[in-house]
Structures are given as structure tokens and as C-alpha cells.
Protein backbone atom coordinates (compact mmCIF):
# COMPACT_ATOMS: atom_id res chain seq x y z
CA MET A 1 40.43 4.55 6.36
CA LYS A 2 38.64 6.69 3.77
CA SER A 3 40.23 7.63 0.48
CA THR A 4 40.94 11.27 -0.17
CA VAL A 5 38.07 11.41 -2.64
CA ALA A 6 35.64 9.98 -0.07
CA VAL A 7 36.53 12.67 2.49
CA ASN A 8 34.25 15.58 1.69
CA ASN A 9 31.55 17.83 3.07
CA LEU A 10 28.66 16.43 1.06
CA ASP A 11 26.89 15.09 4.16
CA LEU A 12 27.04 18.54 5.73
CA ILE A 13 25.86 20.25 2.54
CA ARG A 14 23.02 17.76 2.25
CA LEU A 15 22.03 18.45 5.87
CA LEU A 16 21.97 22.19 5.22
CA ALA A 17 19.87 21.61 2.08
CA ALA A 18 17.38 19.47 4.03
CA THR A 19 17.25 22.09 6.78
CA GLN A 20 16.56 24.80 4.20
CA VAL A 21 13.55 22.87 2.94
CA ALA A 22 12.31 22.09 6.45
CA ILE A 23 12.65 25.66 7.74
CA LEU A 24 10.88 27.26 4.77
CA HIS A 25 8.08 24.69 4.76
CA THR A 26 7.58 24.89 8.52
CA ALA A 27 7.63 28.69 8.64
CA ASN A 28 5.32 29.03 5.65
CA HIS A 29 2.69 26.54 6.80
CA LEU A 30 2.74 27.62 10.45
CA ASN A 31 2.39 31.28 9.40
CA ILE A 32 5.74 32.37 10.79
CA LYS A 33 7.54 35.33 9.24
CA LEU A 34 11.26 34.70 9.23
CA PRO A 35 13.74 37.57 9.62
CA ALA A 36 14.36 39.08 6.18
CA VAL A 37 18.07 38.24 6.15
CA ILE A 38 17.49 34.59 7.07
CA PHE A 39 14.68 34.24 4.53
CA SER A 40 16.83 35.75 1.77
CA ILE A 41 19.75 33.44 2.48
CA LEU A 42 17.51 30.38 2.54
CA GLN A 43 15.71 31.50 -0.60
CA TYR A 44 18.98 31.74 -2.52
CA PHE A 45 19.99 28.13 -1.86
CA PRO A 46 17.12 25.79 -2.82
CA GLY A 47 17.54 22.40 -1.20
CA VAL A 48 15.91 20.10 -3.75
CA PRO A 49 18.18 20.97 -6.72
CA ILE A 50 21.17 20.51 -4.40
CA PHE A 51 19.82 17.08 -3.42
CA PHE A 52 19.45 16.03 -7.04
CA PHE A 53 22.98 17.17 -7.90
CA ILE A 54 24.58 15.42 -4.92
CA SER A 55 22.50 12.33 -5.60
CA GLY A 56 23.79 12.17 -9.17
CA TYR A 57 27.37 12.58 -7.99
CA LEU A 58 27.16 9.88 -5.31
CA ILE A 59 24.74 7.38 -6.86
CA TYR A 60 26.63 7.27 -10.13
CA GLN A 61 29.85 6.61 -8.19
CA SER A 62 28.09 3.90 -6.23
CA PHE A 63 27.00 2.14 -9.41
CA SER A 64 30.48 2.54 -10.93
CA ASN A 65 32.05 0.87 -7.88
CA ILE A 66 29.98 -2.30 -8.24
CA LYS A 67 32.00 -4.99 -9.98
CA GLU A 68 30.40 -6.55 -13.05
CA LYS A 69 27.62 -4.00 -12.57
CA LYS A 70 25.40 -6.35 -10.58
CA LEU A 71 22.04 -4.63 -10.66
CA GLY A 72 20.78 -6.63 -7.68
CA THR A 73 23.52 -5.27 -5.42
CA PHE A 74 22.96 -1.72 -6.65
CA PHE A 75 19.20 -1.75 -6.09
CA ILE A 76 19.47 -3.52 -2.72
CA ASN A 77 21.84 -0.77 -1.60
CA ARG A 78 19.42 1.89 -2.78
CA PHE A 79 16.54 0.12 -1.01
CA LEU A 80 18.53 0.03 2.24
CA ARG A 81 19.19 3.76 2.03
CA LEU A 82 15.65 4.90 1.33
CA TYR A 83 13.01 2.43 2.38
CA PRO A 84 13.67 1.52 6.05
CA ALA A 85 13.34 5.17 7.11
CA LEU A 86 10.49 5.67 4.66
CA PHE A 87 8.58 2.76 6.23
CA PHE A 88 9.24 4.13 9.71
CA CYS A 89 8.11 7.59 8.61
CA PHE A 90 4.87 6.09 7.34
CA VAL A 91 4.28 4.36 10.68
CA VAL A 92 4.91 7.64 12.52
CA THR A 93 2.56 9.46 10.15
CA LEU A 94 -0.14 6.83 10.61
CA LEU A 95 0.20 7.01 14.39
CA SER A 96 -0.15 10.79 14.28
CA LEU A 97 -3.41 10.41 12.34
CA PHE A 98 -4.79 7.98 14.92
CA ILE A 99 -3.54 9.81 18.01
CA SER A 100 -4.79 13.19 16.80
CA GLY A 101 -8.23 11.70 16.24
CA TYR A 102 -8.34 12.91 12.65
CA LEU A 103 -9.27 9.56 11.11
CA GLU A 104 -12.32 9.38 13.37
CA THR A 105 -13.63 12.55 11.71
CA GLN A 106 -13.44 11.11 8.19
CA SER A 107 -15.51 8.67 6.19
CA TYR A 108 -13.51 6.42 3.91
CA ILE A 109 -13.58 2.88 2.60
CA SER A 110 -10.87 0.30 3.20
CA LYS A 111 -9.95 0.33 -0.50
CA ASP A 112 -8.96 4.01 -0.30
CA PHE A 113 -6.99 3.44 2.88
CA PHE A 114 -5.02 0.47 1.56
CA THR A 115 -4.41 2.21 -1.76
CA TRP A 116 -2.75 5.00 0.22
CA VAL A 117 -0.72 2.45 2.21
CA PHE A 118 0.43 0.74 -0.99
CA THR A 119 1.43 3.94 -2.75
CA SER A 120 3.23 5.27 0.33
CA LEU A 121 5.32 2.12 0.73
CA THR A 122 6.19 1.55 -2.94
CA PHE A 123 6.92 4.11 -5.66
CA PHE A 124 4.05 6.58 -5.62
CA GLN A 125 4.65 8.66 -2.52
CA PHE A 126 3.14 11.72 -4.21
CA TYR A 127 -0.35 10.17 -4.06
CA ASN A 128 -2.67 11.81 -1.55
CA PRO A 129 -6.20 10.39 -1.03
CA ASP A 130 -9.28 12.54 -0.63
CA PHE A 131 -9.84 11.51 2.99
CA LEU A 132 -6.57 13.21 3.96
CA ARG A 133 -7.30 16.51 2.21
CA ALA A 134 -8.70 18.11 5.37
CA TYR A 135 -5.63 17.27 7.44
CA GLY A 136 -2.98 19.96 7.88
CA VAL A 137 -1.95 21.50 4.57
CA GLY A 138 -4.02 18.98 2.61
CA ALA A 139 -1.11 16.76 1.62
CA ILE A 140 0.04 14.28 4.25
CA ASN A 141 3.71 14.52 3.27
CA GLY A 142 4.09 16.60 0.13
CA SER A 143 7.88 16.60 0.30
CA LEU A 144 7.98 12.92 -0.65
CA TRP A 145 7.39 13.61 -4.34
CA THR A 146 11.18 13.84 -4.60
CA ILE A 147 11.48 10.25 -3.36
CA SER A 148 9.45 9.11 -6.37
CA ALA A 149 11.74 11.17 -8.60
CA GLU A 150 14.84 9.72 -6.94
CA LEU A 151 13.58 6.17 -7.47
CA GLN A 152 13.19 6.94 -11.15
CA PHE A 153 16.76 8.29 -11.19
CA TYR A 154 17.99 5.03 -9.67
CA ILE A 155 16.22 2.96 -12.30
CA LEU A 156 17.78 5.10 -15.03
CA THR A 157 21.31 5.04 -13.57
CA PRO A 158 22.44 1.83 -15.37
CA LEU A 159 21.25 3.34 -18.66
CA LEU A 160 23.03 6.59 -17.85
CA PHE A 161 26.22 4.63 -17.12
CA LEU A 162 25.95 2.97 -20.53
CA LEU A 163 25.45 6.33 -22.24
CA TYR A 164 28.35 8.01 -20.44
CA THR A 165 30.75 5.15 -21.12
CA LYS A 166 29.70 4.20 -24.67
CA TYR A 167 27.70 7.07 -26.15
CA LYS A 168 28.89 10.30 -24.52
CA LYS A 169 27.71 12.56 -27.36
CA ILE A 170 24.22 11.10 -27.14
CA SER A 171 24.20 11.61 -23.38
CA ILE A 172 25.13 15.29 -23.78
CA SER A 173 22.37 15.78 -26.35
CA LEU A 174 19.92 14.06 -24.01
CA ALA A 175 20.94 16.36 -21.16
CA PHE A 176 20.15 19.47 -23.20
CA ILE A 177 16.80 17.98 -24.27
CA LEU A 178 16.00 17.45 -20.59
CA VAL A 179 17.01 21.04 -19.81
CA LEU A 180 14.41 22.07 -22.40
CA VAL A 181 11.85 19.81 -20.71
CA ASN A 182 12.67 21.53 -17.42
CA LEU A 183 12.07 24.93 -19.02
CA LEU A 184 8.75 23.81 -20.44
CA ASN A 185 7.72 22.46 -17.04
CA THR A 186 8.72 25.72 -15.36
CA PHE A 187 7.03 28.18 -17.68
CA LEU A 188 4.27 26.29 -19.51
CA ASN A 189 3.06 23.59 -17.12
CA GLU A 190 -0.09 24.91 -15.44
CA LYS A 191 -0.40 21.75 -13.31
CA SER A 192 -4.14 21.61 -13.91
CA SER A 193 -4.57 18.25 -15.65
CA VAL A 194 -3.53 14.85 -14.32
CA ALA A 195 -0.87 14.58 -17.04
CA GLU A 196 0.59 17.97 -16.11
CA LYS A 197 0.68 17.05 -12.43
CA LEU A 198 2.35 13.72 -13.21
CA MET A 199 4.97 15.56 -15.27
CA VAL A 200 6.08 17.42 -12.13
CA VAL A 201 6.71 14.20 -10.20
CA SER A 202 8.30 12.36 -13.13
CA PHE A 203 12.04 12.18 -13.75
CA ALA A 204 11.85 14.26 -16.93
CA PRO A 205 12.08 17.85 -15.58
CA TRP A 206 14.72 16.97 -12.98
CA PHE A 207 16.95 14.27 -14.42
CA TYR A 208 19.39 16.71 -15.99
CA MET A 209 20.26 17.85 -12.45
CA PHE A 210 21.14 14.28 -11.56
CA MET A 211 23.10 13.96 -14.82
CA VAL A 212 25.24 17.00 -13.99
CA GLY A 213 26.30 15.40 -10.72
CA ALA A 214 26.96 12.09 -12.46
CA TYR A 215 29.02 13.76 -15.17
CA ILE A 216 31.23 15.59 -12.69
CA SER A 217 31.81 12.32 -10.83
CA THR A 218 33.17 10.74 -14.05
CA ASN A 219 35.62 13.48 -14.99
CA ARG A 220 38.66 13.94 -12.76
CA ASN A 221 40.11 16.65 -15.00
CA LEU A 222 36.93 18.67 -14.69
CA GLN A 223 36.95 18.16 -10.92
CA ALA A 224 40.50 19.50 -10.74
CA LYS A 225 39.53 22.58 -12.75
CA ILE A 226 36.51 23.25 -10.54
CA LEU A 227 38.62 22.93 -7.39
CA SER A 228 41.29 25.28 -8.74
CA ILE A 229 38.92 28.27 -8.65
CA ASN A 230 38.18 30.28 -5.50
CA PRO A 231 34.69 29.43 -4.19
CA LEU A 232 33.96 33.14 -3.74
CA ILE A 233 34.00 33.50 -7.53
CA TYR A 234 31.35 30.82 -7.89
CA LEU A 235 29.36 32.39 -5.06
CA GLY A 236 29.48 35.87 -6.61
CA LEU A 237 28.44 34.68 -10.05
CA TYR A 238 25.70 32.52 -8.60
CA VAL A 239 24.23 35.30 -6.45
CA VAL A 240 24.17 37.68 -9.43
CA THR A 241 22.39 35.23 -11.73
CA TYR A 242 19.95 34.18 -9.03
CA PHE A 243 19.19 37.80 -8.18
CA PHE A 244 18.19 38.49 -11.79
CA ALA A 245 16.20 35.25 -11.87
CA LEU A 246 14.23 36.44 -8.84
CA GLU A 247 13.75 39.92 -10.27
CA TYR A 248 12.57 38.81 -13.70
CA ASN A 249 10.97 35.44 -12.88
CA LEU A 250 13.55 33.45 -14.85
CA GLY A 251 13.38 30.30 -12.73
CA THR A 252 14.13 29.96 -9.03
CA GLY A 253 13.57 27.49 -6.20
CA ASN A 254 12.99 23.94 -7.38
CA ASN A 255 12.60 25.39 -10.89
CA ILE A 256 16.01 27.05 -10.77
CA ASN A 257 17.22 28.23 -14.17
CA PHE A 258 19.97 26.30 -15.93
CA ILE A 259 22.74 28.90 -15.57
CA SER A 260 22.15 29.42 -11.86
CA PHE A 261 21.91 25.66 -11.33
CA ILE A 262 25.28 25.01 -12.96
CA LEU A 263 26.90 27.74 -10.85
CA LEU A 264 25.22 26.33 -7.74
CA CYS A 265 26.64 22.88 -8.55
CA LEU A 266 30.12 24.29 -9.04
CA LEU A 267 29.85 26.14 -5.72
CA MET A 268 28.58 23.07 -3.84
CA PHE A 269 31.27 20.84 -5.31
CA ARG A 270 33.98 23.38 -4.49
CA LEU A 271 32.73 23.70 -0.91
CA ALA A 272 32.53 19.91 -0.59
CA TYR A 273 36.31 19.76 -0.96
CA THR A 274 37.18 22.95 0.90
CA ASN A 275 38.44 21.80 4.31
CA PRO A 276 36.95 18.40 3.36
CA SER A 277 37.17 16.92 6.86
CA LEU A 278 34.81 19.58 8.26
CA SER A 279 31.73 17.40 7.77
CA ASP A 280 33.14 14.51 9.79
CA GLN A 281 34.33 16.91 12.48
CA VAL A 282 30.87 18.47 12.81
CA LEU A 283 28.67 15.42 12.23
CA GLY A 284 30.92 12.61 13.42
CA GLY A 285 29.90 10.45 10.48
CA ASN A 286 26.21 10.75 11.27
CA ASP A 287 23.74 11.77 8.58
CA ILE A 288 20.34 13.05 9.71
CA SER A 289 19.61 14.94 6.48
CA TYR A 290 17.18 12.33 5.16
CA GLY A 291 15.31 12.32 8.45
CA ILE A 292 15.05 16.10 8.53
CA TYR A 293 13.60 15.97 5.05
CA ILE A 294 11.01 13.22 5.43
CA TYR A 295 9.73 13.87 8.98
CA HIS A 296 9.19 17.63 8.99
CA MET A 297 5.89 17.70 7.09
CA PRO A 298 4.09 15.04 9.18
CA ILE A 299 5.00 17.13 12.22
CA VAL A 300 3.85 20.37 10.58
CA ASN A 301 0.54 18.73 9.62
CA LEU A 302 0.01 17.48 13.17
CA TRP A 303 0.72 20.95 14.55
CA LEU A 304 -1.78 22.49 12.13
CA PHE A 305 -4.48 19.97 13.02
CA CYS A 306 -3.89 20.69 16.71
CA LYS A 307 -3.94 24.44 15.95
CA ILE A 308 -0.36 24.96 17.09
CA GLN A 309 0.69 27.76 14.77
CA GLY A 310 1.41 31.45 14.37
CA THR A 311 3.83 31.77 17.30
CA PRO A 312 7.60 31.40 17.59
CA ILE A 313 7.15 28.47 19.98
CA SER A 314 5.11 26.60 17.36
CA PHE A 315 7.95 26.95 14.85
CA VAL A 316 10.73 26.10 17.31
CA SER A 317 8.88 23.10 18.72
CA ALA A 318 8.14 21.72 15.24
CA MET A 319 11.77 22.05 14.20
CA LEU A 320 13.01 20.47 17.45
CA CYS A 321 10.63 17.55 17.01
CA THR A 322 11.83 17.15 13.43
CA ILE A 323 15.45 17.03 14.59
CA CYS A 324 14.61 14.54 17.35
CA MET A 325 12.80 12.27 14.89
CA ALA A 326 15.74 12.53 12.50
CA PHE A 327 18.17 11.38 15.20
CA ILE A 328 15.87 8.54 16.28
CA SER A 329 15.51 7.44 12.68
CA TRP A 330 19.25 7.61 12.06
CA TYR A 331 20.35 5.61 15.08
CA LEU A 332 17.52 3.07 15.20
CA ILE A 333 16.65 2.62 11.52
CA GLU A 334 18.98 4.14 8.93
CA LYS A 335 22.43 3.44 10.36
CA PRO A 336 21.70 -0.25 11.10
CA ALA A 337 20.24 -0.63 7.60
CA LEU A 338 23.27 0.97 5.96
CA LYS A 339 25.56 -1.54 7.67
CA LEU A 340 23.88 -4.23 5.56
CA LYS A 341 25.07 -2.70 2.29
CA LYS A 342 27.59 -4.94 0.51
CA ILE A 343 29.39 -2.16 -1.35
CA ALA A 344 29.34 1.42 -0.06
CA LEU A 345 31.18 4.70 -0.51
CA ARG A 346 31.52 4.82 3.28
CA ARG A 347 31.24 2.33 6.11
CA TYR A 348 29.22 2.84 9.30
CA THR A 349 30.42 1.29 12.52
């Protein structure tokens, strides 16, 4: 039986965040204009910052729950959550390249091909070789840059645990330095040089988002205070700040400004524990959010290569295929892999 703390709506929130990313990417690349109301709602709740916050909250708890802080157990658990589905996604992507006939149209050497294989299956998912530039949007699975960032977060989690438990003042100072790095990345990074592009996929601009989630997970008094406030208050304040951010270009989307991000975190945390059993009632303990996130762009790219775009059926079919792949991945790959975890915040049967 789950503890009260473990019963929450984070899986449902994460699914909605993944769906937000998938819908906006699919509609944008397939040249589909969404209804204004739907677009506005989706625009106001950027999925990636929500992912990073939830990841910080859950991953930090996961590390805290490991006795004697055995790094091997922690990293094996993280591997089991990310890599099995990531490997399967790569196989699906590779099959789509062969079946579509795209690879037959390109000239490339084996070194380039195997470099792409290596980077895709290790830590450098943001790498995209030249021979794939003419396929779809030009990036085989551009969403996977966040996987590289997440892996960096995982590596830094033991250090973050040390800072939070032994050097809290230093950790707070570090968080504000990273907020500054995020601001510099948002407003000054032109993404023209290799160094500037690598900055975007590094932990530095995003790690403060992870730290906010981790900090909330460590502070029960703060959690109680957050939960004591009506979620509509958080929602109202968030919408106002985000509106001004949109109007005056103060940082939105993945580059959400600090004030709006904090309010978004408070809102998400409050909703996670509002009718906390809702997620299990809706999802039945299943979690297809990761699948929605990693499979949607390979499908979009295949559709573009096959010239399936610009019509409602192209959008609907791409989203349905994404959902189907997410379910297949969950039941055949992810759920069996998660059962192998030695220590987990939840058990899958």
C-alpha cells in the first residue's frame, strides 16, 4: 500500500506536460493551426520546465531513500527508467529511416552512421549528423536534448544531496547563480557558435529548475504551507505574470522567467496533492508520459518525409500513432524494466 506522500497526481501532470510538448511540436511541424483557445492554454503551461521540476522532486527523493547512499543502486534505477525505452525508440527511429527509403537517398560513411548510433545510445542524444539534415524537420529527434540534460541532473544529484544536507547556504547561493545563467542563456545566447549551442543542452541553464523540485521535496514545512493555499490563487498569479512575460518578452516557454516558474511549481505541487488519488483513478498506475515525449518527433519526421501534413487527419493520425507507441513502450519495455528496480517510490505489478 502506498504512503500518503506517494499518492499524488504527478504522473497525470507529467502526462499532460508531455502531451503539451507533443501537440505543439506536431501541430507546428505539420503546419496545423490549432484553435486559438487551445493554443493559448497549451502555450501558458510549458511542458519541459514542468518536467524538470517534477524530476527534481522525485529524483531527489529517490536518492534520499537509498540506504547508505549506494550510487550503484541509484544509477541503475535511473538507467532502468530512461534507457530501455530510449533504446527501443532508437530502433523504431532507425526502422522508420529504412522503411521510408530515406537512407537510400543519402551518401554517408560508416563512421558517421556509427557515431550517430553511439551518441543516441549514450549521453549525447542532441547530436544530429549531416546525413539526417534532409529528413523531416532536420533533426531526427530534437526533443531528446532534455534527456542529455536529465542525465547531467542525475550525475549531480549526489552532490546536490551533500549541499542540501551539509551546506544549505551554499546551495541557495548556487541556485541563484544558476538562475542568472538561465537569464544569460535566454537573453544573450545567440546559439550561433558550438559553445553557445552546447550551453543550451548543458545542465547549467536548467539545473535550478531541478533544484527547486529537490528543495521542496526536502522541506515538509514548506510543503504544508504550499498546500494550505487555494490553487486558484497560484493559478491567478501565474497567469498574470506569464501574460506580462508574453507581452514584453520576459521569458516564456522553455525559457520561462524565474517568477513565473516558481509560481508554476507551486501550482503544480498544489494540484499534485489536490484529490491526490485522481491520477491512479485515471491512469490505473500506468505512465505513458515518457513514451509520448520520446516517440512523437520520429513520427512527425516520418509524416513530413512522406508528405503527410497540412490536414487535420495528418495531425490526428500522428498523435494517435504517438499514443499507440507510448502504450506499446510502456507495457513491453518500460513497465518490465521498472520492476527490476531495487528501491522505488512506487512498485509496478
